[in-house]
Amino acid sequence: MRDFLYHTDRFVLDLTQRLTDAIGIPWVVELIKMAAAAVLLVGLASVLGMVLIWIERKVAAHMQQRLGPMRVGPHGLLQTVADTLKLLAKEDITPKNADIIIYYLAPLITFAASFVCLSFLPYAPGMQAVRFNVGLLFVLGISSLGVLGILAAGWSSNNKWSMLGAMRGGAQIISYELSAALALLTAVIFTGSLDFHDIVESQREGWWIWRAPVVGLLGFVIYTIASTAECNRTPFDIVEGESELAAGFHTEYSAMKFAMFFLAEFVNIFIVSGVSATIFLGGWMPFHIGGMDGLNHVFDLIPPWVWFFGKVMALVFVVMWFRWTFPRLRVDQLMHFEWKFLMPVSFATVAVAAVLATGGWYFFSATPAAPVPQVAPKHENAKPTASGAHGERTWGTFRVQAVSFPNV
């Protein structure tokens, strides 16, 4: 068991081998693995929702010198469980003139987009439900479908406040997705791959947040800001502006339909934090400091999945920190900030990253390829001479062919 904690890829291989030995039909084995992965992801999404809601309440409380939930369970740990049971038991109310089909599909679309993205994150070596060579691009595409659920919810509710909140959400999310994608592109330029696994492996020599001079840190900051706006979090929560729009696009939703929107929001926070940790902070790679082998060995004792979840939760805390630090922006301020500041900076960051990557001007860049050696013609009277002479030399059981290199 201890070996599986550190070598999670062996766990997957061992499970596959056991299923193959027991069943013997490859496609049935793959089907069982897919079903098991789906069940685990559903459980992960449910647990994430309850845990992150509890954490947000505690973070908000302590920043305001309060205690937060304390009554249900030790330190309020069971408060979100009680809230979930309450939502399950609440009456499900549907507006009289709502477009029923779209009204019911909207929360499903929003949650499904978040759920699918969970399957692409690399939680540890071998612990990735779906691996594509364009996984990052696929996640960006699927996550953008969430805005369709928001637009559908606002339009189908037959409520002017819901409609206005949905239109705000569509404009905001689509705008900030551009800056988020450009920020991620800075690391992709250095990596040369859109595969999450390859991106993590490329950071064995160092995380891209510092290994790519300036542009790595700048890309990380841009993505943090843009992803916060994508999740409709303060100070970018004009979609649900309580002081203006009652509750925004989900004003007419109650019970479990409301819970699905709420769950999707917190799962999205985990996803954008996971993508940021994977692209800029090395994913499940440990933190190493050059020349400090003893400390690096201590860091290696921490399992890879602990590194991943630790980095993600740290970023989640930053997003929650934003909510209780910055005031909400006006609509005009929000769009002005994206199109007149964040977007130009994103394009400039990508351009500089392209120059640095092309020139190899970043830390621990790959050594330029050496010229291909040309084997010198063999002479009959060649004798072993000083280094660089032509001919063959035999030392013990090894035979070395002397070569000559062209002048470079």
Protein backbone atom coordinates (compact mmCIF):
# COMPACT_ATOMS: atom_id res chain seq x y z
CA MET A 1 0.00 0.00 0.00
CA ARG A 2 2.84 2.39 0.82
CA ASP A 3 4.33 1.75 -2.60
CA PHE A 4 1.04 2.74 -4.25
CA LEU A 5 0.99 6.04 -2.34
CA TYR A 6 4.21 7.10 -4.04
CA HIS A 7 3.89 5.19 -7.33
CA THR A 8 0.26 5.66 -8.29
CA ASP A 9 0.96 4.57 -11.85
CA ARG A 10 1.73 1.09 -10.52
CA PHE A 11 -1.70 0.99 -8.88
CA VAL A 12 -3.42 1.49 -12.23
CA LEU A 13 -1.22 -1.10 -13.92
CA ASP A 14 -1.79 -3.60 -11.11
CA LEU A 15 -5.55 -3.05 -11.24
CA THR A 16 -5.57 -3.54 -15.01
CA GLN A 17 -3.55 -6.73 -14.69
CA ARG A 18 -5.86 -8.12 -12.00
CA LEU A 19 -8.96 -7.39 -14.06
CA THR A 20 -7.37 -8.88 -17.17
CA ASP A 21 -6.45 -12.06 -15.29
CA ALA A 22 -9.94 -12.34 -13.81
CA ILE A 23 -11.99 -11.48 -16.92
CA GLY A 24 -9.70 -11.98 -19.89
CA ILE A 25 -11.73 -9.77 -22.27
CA PRO A 26 -9.86 -6.50 -22.96
CA TRP A 27 -12.89 -4.37 -23.90
CA VAL A 28 -14.77 -5.46 -20.79
CA VAL A 29 -11.75 -4.51 -18.67
CA GLU A 30 -11.65 -1.05 -20.24
CA LEU A 31 -15.40 -0.65 -19.71
CA ILE A 32 -15.04 -1.50 -16.01
CA LYS A 33 -12.17 0.97 -15.66
CA MET A 34 -14.23 3.71 -17.31
CA ALA A 35 -17.19 3.02 -15.01
CA ALA A 36 -14.92 3.06 -11.94
CA ALA A 37 -13.34 6.34 -13.05
CA ALA A 38 -16.79 7.90 -13.57
CA VAL A 39 -17.95 6.84 -10.11
CA LEU A 40 -14.78 8.22 -8.50
CA LEU A 41 -15.14 11.53 -10.36
CA VAL A 42 -18.77 11.88 -9.28
CA GLY A 43 -17.70 11.25 -5.70
CA LEU A 44 -14.84 13.73 -6.05
CA ALA A 45 -17.17 16.43 -7.41
CA SER A 46 -19.66 15.89 -4.58
CA VAL A 47 -17.01 15.93 -1.86
CA LEU A 48 -15.30 18.97 -3.40
CA GLY A 49 -18.56 20.90 -3.36
CA MET A 50 -19.22 20.24 0.32
CA VAL A 51 -15.62 20.73 1.43
CA LEU A 52 -15.03 23.95 -0.52
CA ILE A 53 -18.30 25.47 0.72
CA TRP A 54 -17.27 24.74 4.30
CA ILE A 55 -13.78 26.17 3.67
CA GLU A 56 -15.23 29.33 2.13
CA ARG A 57 -17.46 29.87 5.14
CA LYS A 58 -14.53 29.44 7.48
CA VAL A 59 -12.25 31.69 5.43
CA ALA A 60 -14.91 34.40 5.33
CA ALA A 61 -15.56 34.09 9.05
CA HIS A 62 -11.94 34.29 10.15
CA MET A 63 -11.27 37.26 7.85
CA GLN A 64 -14.19 39.02 9.54
CA GLN A 65 -13.16 37.91 13.06
CA ARG A 66 -16.01 35.41 13.33
CA LEU A 67 -16.12 31.65 13.93
CA GLY A 68 -18.37 30.57 11.07
CA PRO A 69 -20.30 27.26 11.27
CA MET A 70 -19.74 25.66 14.67
CA ARG A 71 -22.94 23.87 15.71
CA VAL A 72 -23.36 20.92 13.31
CA GLY A 73 -20.50 18.50 13.87
CA PRO A 74 -17.04 19.29 15.26
CA HIS A 75 -16.09 22.81 14.21
CA GLY A 76 -19.10 22.81 11.88
CA LEU A 77 -17.75 20.08 9.60
CA LEU A 78 -21.20 18.59 9.01
CA GLN A 79 -22.89 21.90 8.21
CA THR A 80 -22.65 21.41 4.44
CA VAL A 81 -24.02 17.88 4.79
CA ALA A 82 -27.04 19.34 6.58
CA ASP A 83 -27.41 21.98 3.86
CA THR A 84 -27.32 19.27 1.19
CA LEU A 85 -30.09 17.34 2.93
CA LYS A 86 -32.10 20.55 3.20
CA LEU A 87 -31.79 21.21 -0.55
CA LEU A 88 -32.84 17.64 -1.30
CA ALA A 89 -35.98 18.10 0.80
CA LYS A 90 -36.95 21.58 -0.44
CA GLU A 91 -39.90 22.11 -2.74
CA ASP A 92 -38.97 22.33 -6.42
CA ILE A 93 -40.72 25.40 -7.85
CA THR A 94 -40.89 26.06 -11.59
CA PRO A 95 -41.99 29.45 -13.01
CA LYS A 96 -45.35 29.30 -14.73
CA ASN A 97 -44.27 30.71 -18.09
CA ALA A 98 -40.77 29.23 -18.19
CA ASP A 99 -39.47 27.26 -21.16
CA ILE A 100 -39.57 23.94 -19.31
CA ILE A 101 -37.13 21.90 -21.40
CA ILE A 102 -34.38 24.53 -21.50
CA TYR A 103 -35.13 25.48 -17.88
CA TYR A 104 -34.35 21.95 -16.72
CA LEU A 105 -31.42 21.44 -19.10
CA ALA A 106 -29.54 24.59 -18.02
CA PRO A 107 -28.19 23.34 -14.66
CA LEU A 108 -27.32 19.98 -16.25
CA ILE A 109 -25.27 21.67 -18.98
CA THR A 110 -23.40 23.82 -16.47
CA PHE A 111 -22.58 20.92 -14.17
CA ALA A 112 -21.73 18.50 -17.00
CA ALA A 113 -19.14 20.90 -18.41
CA SER A 114 -17.43 21.09 -15.03
CA PHE A 115 -17.65 17.35 -14.45
CA VAL A 116 -16.03 16.47 -17.80
CA CYS A 117 -13.10 18.81 -17.14
CA LEU A 118 -12.30 16.94 -13.92
CA SER A 119 -11.43 13.82 -15.92
CA PHE A 120 -8.55 15.53 -17.74
CA LEU A 121 -6.58 16.80 -14.75
CA PRO A 122 -3.44 14.77 -13.86
CA TYR A 123 -3.77 14.22 -10.10
CA ALA A 124 -0.63 12.05 -9.88
CA PRO A 125 1.47 9.83 -12.18
CA GLY A 126 -0.99 7.50 -13.90
CA MET A 127 -3.98 9.07 -12.11
CA GLN A 128 -5.62 10.78 -15.06
CA ALA A 129 -8.98 9.50 -16.25
CA VAL A 130 -8.60 10.79 -19.81
CA ARG A 131 -5.35 11.67 -21.52
CA PHE A 132 -5.40 13.49 -24.88
CA ASN A 133 -2.47 14.93 -26.76
CA VAL A 134 -4.54 18.14 -26.90
CA GLY A 135 -5.99 17.82 -23.39
CA LEU A 136 -5.49 21.48 -22.48
CA LEU A 137 -7.26 22.65 -25.63
CA PHE A 138 -10.11 20.22 -24.95
CA VAL A 139 -10.53 21.50 -21.39
CA LEU A 140 -10.65 25.11 -22.61
CA GLY A 141 -13.33 24.14 -25.14
CA ILE A 142 -15.47 22.10 -22.75
CA SER A 143 -15.27 24.65 -19.94
CA SER A 144 -16.60 27.33 -22.29
CA LEU A 145 -19.82 25.31 -22.63
CA GLY A 146 -20.71 26.32 -19.08
CA VAL A 147 -21.70 29.76 -20.35
CA LEU A 148 -24.39 28.09 -22.48
CA GLY A 149 -26.01 26.82 -19.28
CA ILE A 150 -25.96 30.33 -17.82
CA LEU A 151 -27.50 31.85 -20.95
CA ALA A 152 -30.11 29.09 -21.12
CA ALA A 153 -31.02 29.57 -17.46
CA GLY A 154 -31.51 33.30 -17.84
CA TRP A 155 -33.48 33.07 -21.07
CA SER A 156 -35.76 30.19 -20.04
CA SER A 157 -36.70 31.63 -16.63
CA ASN A 158 -38.92 34.35 -18.15
CA ASN A 159 -37.49 36.84 -15.68
CA LYS A 160 -35.89 40.14 -16.66
CA TRP A 161 -33.37 40.00 -13.80
CA SER A 162 -32.34 36.48 -14.78
CA MET A 163 -32.01 37.53 -18.42
CA LEU A 164 -29.89 40.55 -17.58
CA GLY A 165 -27.61 38.46 -15.36
CA ALA A 166 -27.21 35.85 -18.09
CA MET A 167 -26.27 38.49 -20.68
CA ARG A 168 -23.70 39.92 -18.30
CA GLY A 169 -22.34 36.43 -17.70
CA GLY A 170 -22.03 35.67 -21.40
CA ALA A 171 -20.17 38.90 -22.14
CA GLN A 172 -17.88 38.52 -19.14
CA ILE A 173 -16.97 34.85 -19.49
CA ILE A 174 -16.37 34.97 -23.24
CA SER A 175 -14.20 38.09 -22.86
CA TYR A 176 -11.99 36.78 -20.06
CA GLU A 177 -11.63 33.33 -21.67
CA LEU A 178 -9.44 34.97 -24.30
CA SER A 179 -6.95 36.31 -21.76
CA ALA A 180 -6.99 33.01 -19.87
CA ALA A 181 -6.18 31.05 -23.02
CA LEU A 182 -3.37 33.43 -23.98
CA ALA A 183 -1.89 33.18 -20.49
CA LEU A 184 -1.81 29.38 -20.71
CA LEU A 185 -0.26 29.66 -24.16
CA THR A 186 2.88 31.19 -22.66
CA ALA A 187 3.72 27.90 -20.91
CA VAL A 188 2.62 25.82 -23.91
CA ILE A 189 5.15 27.68 -26.08
CA PHE A 190 8.00 26.54 -23.82
CA THR A 191 6.62 23.01 -23.41
CA GLY A 192 5.73 22.37 -27.04
CA SER A 193 2.74 20.22 -26.09
CA LEU A 194 -0.93 20.52 -25.15
CA ASP A 195 -0.88 17.23 -23.23
CA PHE A 196 -1.21 17.80 -19.47
CA HIS A 197 1.13 14.88 -18.74
CA ASP A 198 3.83 16.23 -21.05
CA ILE A 199 3.47 19.69 -19.52
CA VAL A 200 4.05 18.28 -16.04
CA GLU A 201 7.03 16.21 -17.20
CA SER A 202 8.58 19.29 -18.81
CA GLN A 203 8.85 20.90 -15.36
CA ARG A 204 11.21 18.35 -13.80
CA GLU A 205 13.98 20.94 -14.03
CA GLY A 206 11.79 23.69 -12.59
CA TRP A 207 8.28 25.11 -12.59
CA TRP A 208 7.37 27.38 -15.47
CA ILE A 209 6.26 30.17 -13.12
CA TRP A 210 9.94 31.01 -12.50
CA ARG A 211 11.77 28.99 -15.13
CA ALA A 212 10.34 31.19 -17.92
CA PRO A 213 11.83 34.60 -17.04
CA VAL A 214 9.16 37.19 -16.20
CA VAL A 215 6.59 35.81 -18.67
CA GLY A 216 6.00 32.72 -16.51
CA LEU A 217 5.02 34.77 -13.47
CA LEU A 218 3.10 37.26 -15.61
CA GLY A 219 1.18 34.48 -17.34
CA PHE A 220 0.33 32.97 -13.96
CA VAL A 221 -1.01 36.30 -12.66
CA ILE A 222 -3.04 36.92 -15.84
CA TYR A 223 -4.56 33.45 -15.71
CA THR A 224 -5.42 33.83 -12.02
CA ILE A 225 -7.28 37.07 -12.71
CA ALA A 226 -9.02 35.81 -15.86
CA SER A 227 -10.02 32.47 -14.33
CA THR A 228 -11.49 34.27 -11.31
CA ALA A 229 -13.67 36.24 -13.72
CA GLU A 230 -14.63 33.02 -15.54
CA CYS A 231 -15.87 31.54 -12.27
CA ASN A 232 -18.01 34.64 -11.60
CA ARG A 233 -16.19 35.27 -8.35
CA THR A 234 -15.79 38.60 -6.60
CA PRO A 235 -14.72 41.17 -7.75
CA PHE A 236 -16.14 39.84 -11.05
CA ASP A 237 -19.50 38.61 -9.73
CA ILE A 238 -21.72 41.04 -11.63
CA VAL A 239 -23.53 37.99 -13.01
CA GLU A 240 -25.10 37.45 -9.57
CA GLY A 241 -25.08 41.04 -8.36
CA GLU A 242 -27.40 40.68 -5.37
CA SER A 243 -27.75 44.44 -4.93
CA GLU A 244 -28.84 44.84 -8.56
CA LEU A 245 -30.28 41.58 -9.92
CA ALA A 246 -31.72 39.71 -6.91
CA ALA A 247 -29.66 36.56 -7.64
CA GLY A 248 -28.84 36.91 -11.32
CA PHE A 249 -29.37 34.10 -13.78
CA HIS A 250 -30.47 31.53 -11.16
CA THR A 251 -33.06 33.74 -9.44
CA GLU A 252 -35.91 31.37 -10.42
CA TYR A 253 -34.08 28.17 -9.45
CA SER A 254 -34.57 26.34 -6.15
CA ALA A 255 -33.86 23.00 -4.47
CA MET A 256 -31.47 20.68 -6.33
CA LYS A 257 -31.47 22.70 -9.55
CA PHE A 258 -30.02 25.62 -7.61
CA ALA A 259 -27.64 23.22 -5.86
CA MET A 260 -26.26 22.08 -9.24
CA PHE A 261 -25.38 25.67 -10.18
CA PHE A 262 -23.81 26.16 -6.77
CA LEU A 263 -21.86 22.90 -7.04
CA ALA A 264 -20.65 23.74 -10.55
CA GLU A 265 -19.28 27.07 -9.30
CA PHE A 266 -17.09 25.48 -6.64
CA VAL A 267 -16.00 22.63 -8.92
CA ASN A 268 -14.98 25.27 -11.46
CA ILE A 269 -12.82 26.95 -8.82
CA PHE A 270 -11.07 23.63 -8.24
CA ILE A 271 -10.64 23.06 -12.00
CA VAL A 272 -9.11 26.46 -12.80
CA SER A 273 -6.84 26.10 -9.78
CA GLY A 274 -5.87 22.61 -10.94
CA VAL A 275 -5.09 23.85 -14.45
CA SER A 276 -3.02 26.71 -13.02
CA ALA A 277 -1.12 24.34 -10.71
CA THR A 278 -0.47 21.94 -13.60
CA ILE A 279 0.67 24.52 -16.13
CA PHE A 280 2.67 26.91 -13.95
CA LEU A 281 3.43 25.13 -10.65
CA GLY A 282 4.60 21.72 -11.84
CA GLY A 283 1.42 19.75 -11.14
CA TRP A 284 2.35 16.79 -8.96
CA MET A 285 6.07 17.58 -9.23
CA PRO A 286 7.74 18.32 -5.85
CA PHE A 287 9.48 21.59 -5.10
CA HIS A 288 13.26 21.32 -5.46
CA ILE A 289 16.04 23.81 -4.74
CA GLY A 290 19.29 23.43 -6.64
CA GLY A 291 22.23 22.29 -4.50
CA MET A 292 20.09 21.39 -1.46
CA ASP A 293 19.90 17.63 -1.90
CA GLY A 294 18.93 16.96 1.71
CA LEU A 295 15.92 19.28 1.60
CA ASN A 296 14.96 17.98 -1.84
CA HIS A 297 14.99 14.43 -0.50
CA VAL A 298 12.59 15.48 2.26
CA PHE A 299 10.27 17.00 -0.34
CA ASP A 300 10.43 13.76 -2.32
CA LEU A 301 9.01 11.90 0.68
CA ILE A 302 5.68 13.70 0.12
CA PRO A 303 3.48 11.68 -2.29
CA PRO A 304 2.83 13.30 -5.70
CA TRP A 305 -0.95 13.50 -5.20
CA VAL A 306 -0.38 15.42 -1.96
CA TRP A 307 1.72 17.95 -3.86
CA PHE A 308 -1.02 18.38 -6.46
CA PHE A 309 -3.88 18.82 -4.02
CA GLY A 310 -1.76 21.04 -1.78
CA LYS A 311 -0.98 23.42 -4.65
CA VAL A 312 -4.59 23.43 -5.80
CA MET A 313 -5.98 24.17 -2.35
CA ALA A 314 -3.49 27.00 -1.92
CA LEU A 315 -4.77 28.58 -5.15
CA VAL A 316 -8.37 27.98 -4.08
CA PHE A 317 -7.63 29.89 -0.89
CA VAL A 318 -6.29 32.81 -2.98
CA VAL A 319 -9.52 32.91 -5.00
CA MET A 320 -11.56 32.93 -1.77
CA TRP A 321 -9.26 35.59 -0.38
CA PHE A 322 -10.13 37.82 -3.35
CA ARG A 323 -13.82 37.64 -2.49
CA TRP A 324 -13.36 39.15 0.94
CA THR A 325 -10.73 41.70 -0.10
CA PHE A 326 -11.84 43.49 -3.28
CA PRO A 327 -15.12 45.31 -3.95
CA ARG A 328 -17.31 44.38 -6.89
CA LEU A 329 -16.53 46.13 -10.17
CA ARG A 330 -19.09 47.91 -12.30
CA VAL A 331 -19.92 46.39 -15.65
CA ASP A 332 -18.10 49.11 -17.59
CA GLN A 333 -15.03 48.83 -15.34
CA LEU A 334 -14.92 45.06 -15.76
CA MET A 335 -15.04 45.13 -19.57
CA HIS A 336 -12.66 48.11 -19.75
CA PHE A 337 -10.12 46.21 -17.64
CA GLU A 338 -10.29 43.15 -19.93
CA TRP A 339 -10.22 44.71 -23.39
CA LYS A 340 -8.02 47.75 -22.76
CA PHE A 341 -5.53 46.34 -20.26
CA LEU A 342 -5.52 42.58 -19.70
CA MET A 343 -5.86 41.58 -23.36
CA PRO A 344 -2.96 43.76 -24.66
CA VAL A 345 -0.74 42.56 -21.80
CA SER A 346 -1.65 38.95 -22.63
CA PHE A 347 -0.67 39.37 -26.28
CA ALA A 348 2.59 41.04 -25.29
CA THR A 349 3.36 38.20 -22.87
CA VAL A 350 2.81 35.60 -25.60
CA ALA A 351 5.05 37.51 -28.00
CA VAL A 352 7.90 37.76 -25.48
CA ALA A 353 7.47 34.10 -24.55
CA ALA A 354 7.79 33.13 -28.22
CA VAL A 355 11.05 35.08 -28.51
CA LEU A 356 12.48 33.55 -25.33
CA ALA A 357 11.50 30.02 -26.30
CA THR A 358 12.88 30.37 -29.83
CA GLY A 359 16.20 31.65 -28.56
CA GLY A 360 16.38 29.19 -25.68
CA TRP A 361 16.66 32.10 -23.26
CA TYR A 362 15.12 30.50 -20.21
CA PHE A 363 16.40 28.57 -17.21
CA PHE A 364 17.55 24.99 -17.84
CA SER A 365 16.81 25.22 -21.54
CA ALA A 366 17.66 22.20 -23.64
CA THR A 367 21.23 22.13 -24.96
CA PRO A 368 21.35 22.87 -28.70
CA ALA A 369 21.77 19.74 -30.76
CA ALA A 370 25.41 18.92 -31.53
CA PRO A 371 26.47 18.37 -35.14
CA VAL A 372 26.25 14.79 -36.31
CA PRO A 373 29.74 13.22 -36.12
CA GLN A 374 31.26 11.98 -39.36
CA VAL A 375 33.11 8.70 -39.20
CA ALA A 376 36.58 9.10 -40.64
CA PRO A 377 37.70 6.69 -43.34
CA LYS A 378 39.62 3.74 -41.98
CA HIS A 379 43.28 3.48 -43.03
CA GLU A 380 45.13 0.22 -43.19
CA ASN A 381 48.21 1.54 -41.39
CA ALA A 382 46.34 3.55 -38.80
CA LYS A 383 47.78 3.24 -35.31
CA PRO A 384 46.41 4.28 -31.94
CA THR A 385 47.76 7.75 -31.35
CA ALA A 386 46.76 10.75 -29.30
CA SER A 387 43.11 11.70 -28.82
CA GLY A 388 41.49 12.84 -32.06
CA ALA A 389 43.44 10.50 -34.39
CA HIS A 390 41.69 8.19 -36.82
CA GLY A 391 41.40 4.44 -36.40
CA GLU A 392 40.10 1.91 -33.87
CA ARG A 393 41.18 1.38 -30.27
CA THR A 394 40.34 -1.53 -28.04
CA TRP A 395 40.23 -1.17 -24.27
CA GLY A 396 39.18 -4.31 -22.49
CA THR A 397 35.90 -5.46 -24.03
CA PHE A 398 34.96 -2.07 -25.48
CA ARG A 399 35.79 -1.05 -29.01
CA VAL A 400 35.86 2.67 -29.69
CA GLN A 401 35.69 4.06 -33.21
CA ALA A 402 37.65 7.27 -33.40
CA VAL A 403 35.77 9.99 -35.25
CA SER A 404 36.51 13.41 -36.58
CA PHE A 405 34.19 16.40 -36.21
CA PRO A 406 33.86 19.15 -38.78
CA ASN A 407 34.84 22.61 -37.72
CA VAL A 408 31.76 24.48 -36.47
